[in-house]
Amino acid sequence: MDKGNKRASPLMILVAGPYRSGTGDDPVLIAANVRAMTDVAFRLFRAGHLPVLGEWFALPLIEFAGSKAIGDAVFDEIFHPISRRLVTKCDACLRIGGPSTGADEMVALAAAQGKQVFYRIEDLAPVS
């Protein structure tokens, strides 16, 4: 291996991006936001990292718990708390997409916990 070509160990990376922001709770627009985060997660996986989205954990629980609508009490009890807990388990956070208070909160939590924060997937080193 060329010493100038650093390769990294795999990281568990929380992908933080807009979920509801800018959608007016339109399910088609929300799905597009999730698709954008999933696309980045797939790219991270292919680069050798372990990507996670809070949505992957929260949405099945929200449905199971009987949420009737985005933003109801059941949704609010689970949605952001799941991501907050995930931040503590992850090595890093990758912030993608446009404005999002929730995604910005995850970045701030990651930074406060000394986790690596990235804003471009290209800034992550390939895994050895």
N, C-alpha and C. Protein backbone atom coordinates (compact mmCIF):
# COMPACT_ATOMS: atom_id res chain seq x y z
N MET A 1 0.85 -1.19 0.00
CA MET A 1 0.00 0.00 0.00
C MET A 1 0.88 1.23 0.00
N ASP A 2 0.54 2.19 -0.80
CA ASP A 2 1.24 3.47 -0.86
C ASP A 2 0.96 4.24 0.42
N LYS A 3 2.02 4.66 1.12
CA LYS A 3 1.84 5.37 2.39
C LYS A 3 1.10 6.68 2.23
N GLY A 4 1.10 7.25 1.02
CA GLY A 4 0.38 8.49 0.77
C GLY A 4 -1.11 8.27 0.57
N ASN A 5 -1.54 7.03 0.37
CA ASN A 5 -2.95 6.71 0.13
C ASN A 5 -3.52 6.10 1.41
N LYS A 6 -3.95 6.95 2.34
CA LYS A 6 -4.50 6.48 3.60
C LYS A 6 -5.83 5.80 3.39
N ARG A 7 -6.00 4.67 4.05
CA ARG A 7 -7.28 3.98 4.05
C ARG A 7 -7.75 3.91 5.50
N ALA A 8 -9.03 3.91 5.69
CA ALA A 8 -9.61 3.99 7.02
C ALA A 8 -10.20 2.66 7.45
N SER A 9 -10.44 2.55 8.75
CA SER A 9 -11.23 1.44 9.28
C SER A 9 -12.70 1.77 9.06
N PRO A 10 -13.55 0.76 8.99
CA PRO A 10 -14.98 1.03 8.82
C PRO A 10 -15.55 1.85 9.98
N LEU A 11 -16.41 2.78 9.65
CA LEU A 11 -17.10 3.60 10.64
C LEU A 11 -18.59 3.31 10.61
N MET A 12 -19.23 3.38 11.76
CA MET A 12 -20.69 3.38 11.81
C MET A 12 -21.10 4.83 11.72
N ILE A 13 -21.85 5.16 10.66
CA ILE A 13 -22.12 6.57 10.33
C ILE A 13 -23.63 6.82 10.28
N LEU A 14 -24.09 7.75 11.10
CA LEU A 14 -25.48 8.19 11.05
C LEU A 14 -25.63 9.17 9.90
N VAL A 15 -26.49 8.85 8.96
CA VAL A 15 -26.80 9.77 7.87
C VAL A 15 -27.94 10.65 8.34
N ALA A 16 -27.67 11.95 8.44
CA ALA A 16 -28.65 12.92 8.94
C ALA A 16 -29.03 13.87 7.82
N GLY A 17 -30.30 13.86 7.48
CA GLY A 17 -30.80 14.76 6.45
C GLY A 17 -32.26 15.08 6.73
N PRO A 18 -32.83 15.94 5.90
CA PRO A 18 -34.24 16.29 6.09
C PRO A 18 -35.15 15.07 5.96
N TYR A 19 -36.14 15.01 6.82
CA TYR A 19 -37.20 14.00 6.71
C TYR A 19 -38.49 14.73 6.34
N ARG A 20 -38.97 15.58 7.24
CA ARG A 20 -40.21 16.33 7.00
C ARG A 20 -39.95 17.73 6.45
N SER A 21 -38.80 18.28 6.75
CA SER A 21 -38.51 19.68 6.40
C SER A 21 -38.78 19.98 4.95
N GLY A 22 -39.53 21.04 4.72
CA GLY A 22 -39.82 21.50 3.37
C GLY A 22 -40.80 20.64 2.61
N THR A 23 -41.45 19.70 3.27
CA THR A 23 -42.37 18.79 2.57
C THR A 23 -43.84 19.11 2.78
N GLY A 24 -44.16 19.90 3.81
CA GLY A 24 -45.57 20.09 4.15
C GLY A 24 -46.22 18.76 4.51
N ASP A 25 -45.39 17.81 4.95
CA ASP A 25 -45.82 16.45 5.30
C ASP A 25 -46.41 15.68 4.11
N ASP A 26 -46.05 16.09 2.90
CA ASP A 26 -46.46 15.37 1.68
C ASP A 26 -45.70 14.04 1.64
N PRO A 27 -46.41 12.90 1.64
CA PRO A 27 -45.74 11.60 1.67
C PRO A 27 -44.78 11.36 0.50
N VAL A 28 -45.08 11.93 -0.65
CA VAL A 28 -44.20 11.76 -1.81
C VAL A 28 -42.88 12.48 -1.59
N LEU A 29 -42.95 13.69 -1.04
CA LEU A 29 -41.73 14.45 -0.77
C LEU A 29 -40.93 13.85 0.39
N ILE A 30 -41.63 13.35 1.40
CA ILE A 30 -40.95 12.67 2.50
C ILE A 30 -40.23 11.43 1.98
N ALA A 31 -40.90 10.67 1.13
CA ALA A 31 -40.27 9.48 0.54
C ALA A 31 -39.03 9.86 -0.26
N ALA A 32 -39.07 10.98 -0.95
CA ALA A 32 -37.90 11.44 -1.71
C ALA A 32 -36.75 11.77 -0.76
N ASN A 33 -37.05 12.38 0.38
CA ASN A 33 -36.02 12.67 1.36
C ASN A 33 -35.39 11.38 1.90
N VAL A 34 -36.23 10.40 2.20
CA VAL A 34 -35.71 9.13 2.70
C VAL A 34 -34.90 8.43 1.62
N ARG A 35 -35.35 8.51 0.40
CA ARG A 35 -34.62 7.92 -0.73
C ARG A 35 -33.23 8.56 -0.87
N ALA A 36 -33.15 9.87 -0.69
CA ALA A 36 -31.86 10.57 -0.78
C ALA A 36 -30.92 10.10 0.32
N MET A 37 -31.43 9.94 1.53
CA MET A 37 -30.59 9.45 2.63
C MET A 37 -30.19 8.00 2.39
N THR A 38 -31.11 7.20 1.87
CA THR A 38 -30.81 5.79 1.59
C THR A 38 -29.78 5.66 0.48
N ASP A 39 -29.84 6.52 -0.51
CA ASP A 39 -28.85 6.52 -1.59
C ASP A 39 -27.45 6.76 -1.01
N VAL A 40 -27.33 7.74 -0.14
CA VAL A 40 -26.04 8.04 0.48
C VAL A 40 -25.62 6.86 1.37
N ALA A 41 -26.56 6.27 2.09
CA ALA A 41 -26.25 5.12 2.93
C ALA A 41 -25.69 3.97 2.10
N PHE A 42 -26.27 3.74 0.94
CA PHE A 42 -25.80 2.67 0.07
C PHE A 42 -24.38 2.96 -0.41
N ARG A 43 -24.12 4.20 -0.74
CA ARG A 43 -22.76 4.59 -1.16
C ARG A 43 -21.76 4.39 -0.02
N LEU A 44 -22.17 4.71 1.21
CA LEU A 44 -21.30 4.48 2.37
C LEU A 44 -21.04 2.99 2.56
N PHE A 45 -22.09 2.19 2.41
CA PHE A 45 -21.94 0.74 2.52
C PHE A 45 -20.95 0.21 1.49
N ARG A 46 -21.11 0.65 0.26
CA ARG A 46 -20.19 0.21 -0.79
C ARG A 46 -18.76 0.67 -0.54
N ALA A 47 -18.59 1.76 0.20
CA ALA A 47 -17.26 2.24 0.54
C ALA A 47 -16.68 1.49 1.75
N GLY A 48 -17.48 0.58 2.33
CA GLY A 48 -17.00 -0.25 3.42
C GLY A 48 -17.43 0.16 4.81
N HIS A 49 -18.29 1.19 4.91
CA HIS A 49 -18.75 1.67 6.21
C HIS A 49 -20.09 1.02 6.56
N LEU A 50 -20.54 1.23 7.79
CA LEU A 50 -21.85 0.76 8.25
C LEU A 50 -22.75 1.98 8.42
N PRO A 51 -23.60 2.25 7.43
CA PRO A 51 -24.49 3.40 7.54
C PRO A 51 -25.75 3.07 8.33
N VAL A 52 -26.30 4.07 8.99
CA VAL A 52 -27.58 3.92 9.68
C VAL A 52 -28.39 5.20 9.50
N LEU A 53 -29.68 5.02 9.46
CA LEU A 53 -30.62 6.14 9.45
C LEU A 53 -31.54 5.96 10.65
N GLY A 54 -31.82 7.04 11.35
CA GLY A 54 -32.78 6.96 12.44
C GLY A 54 -34.12 6.44 11.97
N GLU A 55 -34.48 6.78 10.74
CA GLU A 55 -35.76 6.36 10.17
C GLU A 55 -35.89 4.85 10.11
N TRP A 56 -34.77 4.17 9.86
CA TRP A 56 -34.80 2.71 9.77
C TRP A 56 -35.22 2.07 11.10
N PHE A 57 -34.90 2.73 12.19
CA PHE A 57 -35.27 2.23 13.51
C PHE A 57 -36.61 2.79 13.96
N ALA A 58 -36.81 4.08 13.74
CA ALA A 58 -37.98 4.76 14.29
C ALA A 58 -39.29 4.41 13.59
N LEU A 59 -39.29 4.41 12.27
CA LEU A 59 -40.56 4.26 11.54
C LEU A 59 -41.29 2.94 11.84
N PRO A 60 -40.60 1.79 11.89
CA PRO A 60 -41.34 0.56 12.26
C PRO A 60 -41.90 0.62 13.68
N LEU A 61 -41.16 1.23 14.60
CA LEU A 61 -41.66 1.35 15.97
C LEU A 61 -42.85 2.30 16.05
N ILE A 62 -42.77 3.39 15.30
CA ILE A 62 -43.87 4.36 15.28
C ILE A 62 -45.14 3.70 14.77
N GLU A 63 -45.00 2.92 13.70
CA GLU A 63 -46.17 2.20 13.17
C GLU A 63 -46.69 1.19 14.19
N PHE A 64 -45.79 0.42 14.78
CA PHE A 64 -46.17 -0.59 15.76
C PHE A 64 -46.88 0.03 16.95
N ALA A 65 -46.40 1.20 17.38
CA ALA A 65 -46.96 1.87 18.56
C ALA A 65 -48.30 2.53 18.29
N GLY A 66 -48.73 2.52 17.02
CA GLY A 66 -50.07 3.01 16.72
C GLY A 66 -50.18 4.46 16.31
N SER A 67 -49.11 5.03 15.84
CA SER A 67 -49.19 6.41 15.37
C SER A 67 -50.23 6.53 14.26
N LYS A 68 -50.99 7.59 14.32
CA LYS A 68 -52.04 7.83 13.31
C LYS A 68 -51.63 8.86 12.27
N ALA A 69 -50.63 9.70 12.64
CA ALA A 69 -50.21 10.76 11.72
C ALA A 69 -48.82 11.25 12.10
N ILE A 70 -48.09 11.70 11.08
CA ILE A 70 -46.78 12.30 11.32
C ILE A 70 -46.95 13.48 12.28
N GLY A 71 -46.15 13.48 13.33
CA GLY A 71 -46.21 14.58 14.29
C GLY A 71 -47.17 14.37 15.44
N ASP A 72 -47.87 13.21 15.47
CA ASP A 72 -48.73 12.98 16.62
C ASP A 72 -47.86 12.60 17.83
N ALA A 73 -48.48 12.40 18.97
CA ALA A 73 -47.74 12.16 20.22
C ALA A 73 -46.86 10.91 20.11
N VAL A 74 -47.37 9.85 19.50
CA VAL A 74 -46.59 8.61 19.36
C VAL A 74 -45.38 8.86 18.47
N PHE A 75 -45.58 9.55 17.35
CA PHE A 75 -44.48 9.88 16.44
C PHE A 75 -43.41 10.67 17.19
N ASP A 76 -43.83 11.71 17.90
CA ASP A 76 -42.88 12.58 18.60
C ASP A 76 -42.16 11.86 19.74
N GLU A 77 -42.82 10.89 20.36
CA GLU A 77 -42.20 10.11 21.43
C GLU A 77 -41.02 9.29 20.91
N ILE A 78 -41.07 8.88 19.65
CA ILE A 78 -40.10 7.92 19.12
C ILE A 78 -39.13 8.52 18.10
N PHE A 79 -39.58 9.37 17.20
CA PHE A 79 -38.81 9.73 16.02
C PHE A 79 -37.43 10.33 16.33
N HIS A 80 -37.35 11.48 16.95
CA HIS A 80 -36.05 12.07 17.23
C HIS A 80 -35.29 11.38 18.36
N PRO A 81 -35.98 10.89 19.40
CA PRO A 81 -35.24 10.16 20.43
C PRO A 81 -34.42 8.97 19.90
N ILE A 82 -34.94 8.28 18.90
CA ILE A 82 -34.18 7.16 18.31
C ILE A 82 -32.87 7.68 17.73
N SER A 83 -32.92 8.75 16.95
CA SER A 83 -31.70 9.29 16.35
C SER A 83 -30.74 9.81 17.41
N ARG A 84 -31.27 10.42 18.45
CA ARG A 84 -30.40 10.90 19.53
C ARG A 84 -29.64 9.73 20.16
N ARG A 85 -30.32 8.62 20.35
CA ARG A 85 -29.66 7.44 20.92
C ARG A 85 -28.66 6.85 19.93
N LEU A 86 -28.99 6.86 18.66
CA LEU A 86 -28.07 6.35 17.65
C LEU A 86 -26.77 7.16 17.60
N VAL A 87 -26.88 8.46 17.77
CA VAL A 87 -25.68 9.30 17.75
C VAL A 87 -24.66 8.78 18.76
N THR A 88 -25.12 8.36 19.93
CA THR A 88 -24.19 7.90 20.96
C THR A 88 -23.48 6.61 20.56
N LYS A 89 -24.07 5.83 19.67
CA LYS A 89 -23.49 4.55 19.24
C LYS A 89 -22.64 4.67 17.99
N CYS A 90 -22.82 5.74 17.24
CA CYS A 90 -22.12 5.90 15.96
C CYS A 90 -20.74 6.51 16.16
N ASP A 91 -19.88 6.26 15.17
CA ASP A 91 -18.55 6.85 15.16
C ASP A 91 -18.56 8.24 14.53
N ALA A 92 -19.55 8.46 13.66
CA ALA A 92 -19.56 9.70 12.88
C ALA A 92 -20.99 10.01 12.43
N CYS A 93 -21.14 11.23 11.93
CA CYS A 93 -22.42 11.69 11.38
C CYS A 93 -22.12 12.34 10.03
N LEU A 94 -22.92 12.01 9.04
CA LEU A 94 -22.82 12.63 7.72
C LEU A 94 -24.09 13.43 7.49
N ARG A 95 -23.95 14.74 7.40
CA ARG A 95 -25.10 15.64 7.19
C ARG A 95 -25.29 15.85 5.70
N ILE A 96 -26.49 15.55 5.21
CA ILE A 96 -26.79 15.74 3.79
C ILE A 96 -28.05 16.59 3.65
N GLY A 97 -28.30 17.05 2.43
CA GLY A 97 -29.55 17.70 2.10
C GLY A 97 -29.68 19.13 2.59
N GLY A 98 -30.90 19.61 2.48
CA GLY A 98 -31.20 21.00 2.78
C GLY A 98 -31.51 21.24 4.24
N PRO A 99 -32.18 22.35 4.51
CA PRO A 99 -32.48 22.73 5.89
C PRO A 99 -33.25 21.65 6.64
N SER A 100 -32.84 21.43 7.89
CA SER A 100 -33.52 20.45 8.74
C SER A 100 -33.08 20.68 10.18
N THR A 101 -34.00 21.08 11.02
CA THR A 101 -33.69 21.29 12.43
C THR A 101 -33.26 19.98 13.08
N GLY A 102 -33.95 18.89 12.76
CA GLY A 102 -33.62 17.59 13.35
C GLY A 102 -32.24 17.12 12.94
N ALA A 103 -31.91 17.22 11.64
CA ALA A 103 -30.59 16.80 11.18
C ALA A 103 -29.50 17.68 11.79
N ASP A 104 -29.78 18.97 11.90
CA ASP A 104 -28.81 19.86 12.54
C ASP A 104 -28.60 19.51 14.01
N GLU A 105 -29.66 19.09 14.67
CA GLU A 105 -29.54 18.65 16.06
C GLU A 105 -28.64 17.42 16.16
N MET A 106 -28.78 16.47 15.23
CA MET A 106 -27.95 15.26 15.27
C MET A 106 -26.48 15.62 15.06
N VAL A 107 -26.21 16.56 14.16
CA VAL A 107 -24.84 17.03 13.93
C VAL A 107 -24.28 17.66 15.20
N ALA A 108 -25.06 18.51 15.84
CA ALA A 108 -24.62 19.18 17.07
C ALA A 108 -24.35 18.17 18.18
N LEU A 109 -25.22 17.18 18.30
CA LEU A 109 -25.01 16.14 19.32
C LEU A 109 -23.75 15.34 19.02
N ALA A 110 -23.57 14.98 17.76
CA ALA A 110 -22.36 14.23 17.38
C ALA A 110 -21.10 15.03 17.70
N ALA A 111 -21.10 16.29 17.32
CA ALA A 111 -19.93 17.14 17.58
C ALA A 111 -19.68 17.29 19.08
N ALA A 112 -20.75 17.46 19.86
CA ALA A 112 -20.62 17.61 21.31
C ALA A 112 -20.06 16.35 21.96
N GLN A 113 -20.29 15.21 21.33
CA GLN A 113 -19.79 13.94 21.86
C GLN A 113 -18.43 13.57 21.27
N GLY A 114 -17.84 14.49 20.52
CA GLY A 114 -16.52 14.25 19.95
C GLY A 114 -16.51 13.32 18.75
N LYS A 115 -17.68 13.12 18.14
CA LYS A 115 -17.77 12.26 16.96
C LYS A 115 -17.31 13.05 15.74
N GLN A 116 -16.87 12.32 14.73
CA GLN A 116 -16.53 12.96 13.47
C GLN A 116 -17.80 13.41 12.77
N VAL A 117 -17.77 14.58 12.17
CA VAL A 117 -18.91 15.10 11.41
C VAL A 117 -18.42 15.40 10.00
N PHE A 118 -19.16 14.89 9.03
CA PHE A 118 -18.84 15.11 7.62
C PHE A 118 -20.02 15.78 6.93
N TYR A 119 -19.70 16.56 5.91
CA TYR A 119 -20.74 17.24 5.13
C TYR A 119 -20.72 16.81 3.67
N ARG A 120 -19.74 16.00 3.30
CA ARG A 120 -19.64 15.46 1.94
C ARG A 120 -19.15 14.03 2.04
N ILE A 121 -19.80 13.13 1.33
CA ILE A 121 -19.39 11.73 1.35
C ILE A 121 -17.96 11.58 0.84
N GLU A 122 -17.56 12.49 -0.02
CA GLU A 122 -16.21 12.42 -0.60
C GLU A 122 -15.12 12.66 0.44
N ASP A 123 -15.48 13.21 1.60
CA ASP A 123 -14.50 13.48 2.65
C ASP A 123 -14.19 12.26 3.52
N LEU A 124 -14.94 11.19 3.30
CA LEU A 124 -14.68 9.95 4.05
C LEU A 124 -13.63 9.12 3.32
N ALA A 125 -12.64 8.67 4.08
CA ALA A 125 -11.58 7.85 3.48
C ALA A 125 -12.14 6.47 3.14
N PRO A 126 -11.62 5.86 2.07
CA PRO A 126 -12.05 4.49 1.75
C PRO A 126 -11.60 3.53 2.84
N VAL A 127 -12.33 2.45 3.00
CA VAL A 127 -12.04 1.46 4.03
C VAL A 127 -11.00 0.48 3.51
N SER A 128 -10.08 0.13 4.39
CA SER A 128 -9.05 -0.85 4.01
C SER A 128 -9.56 -2.27 4.13
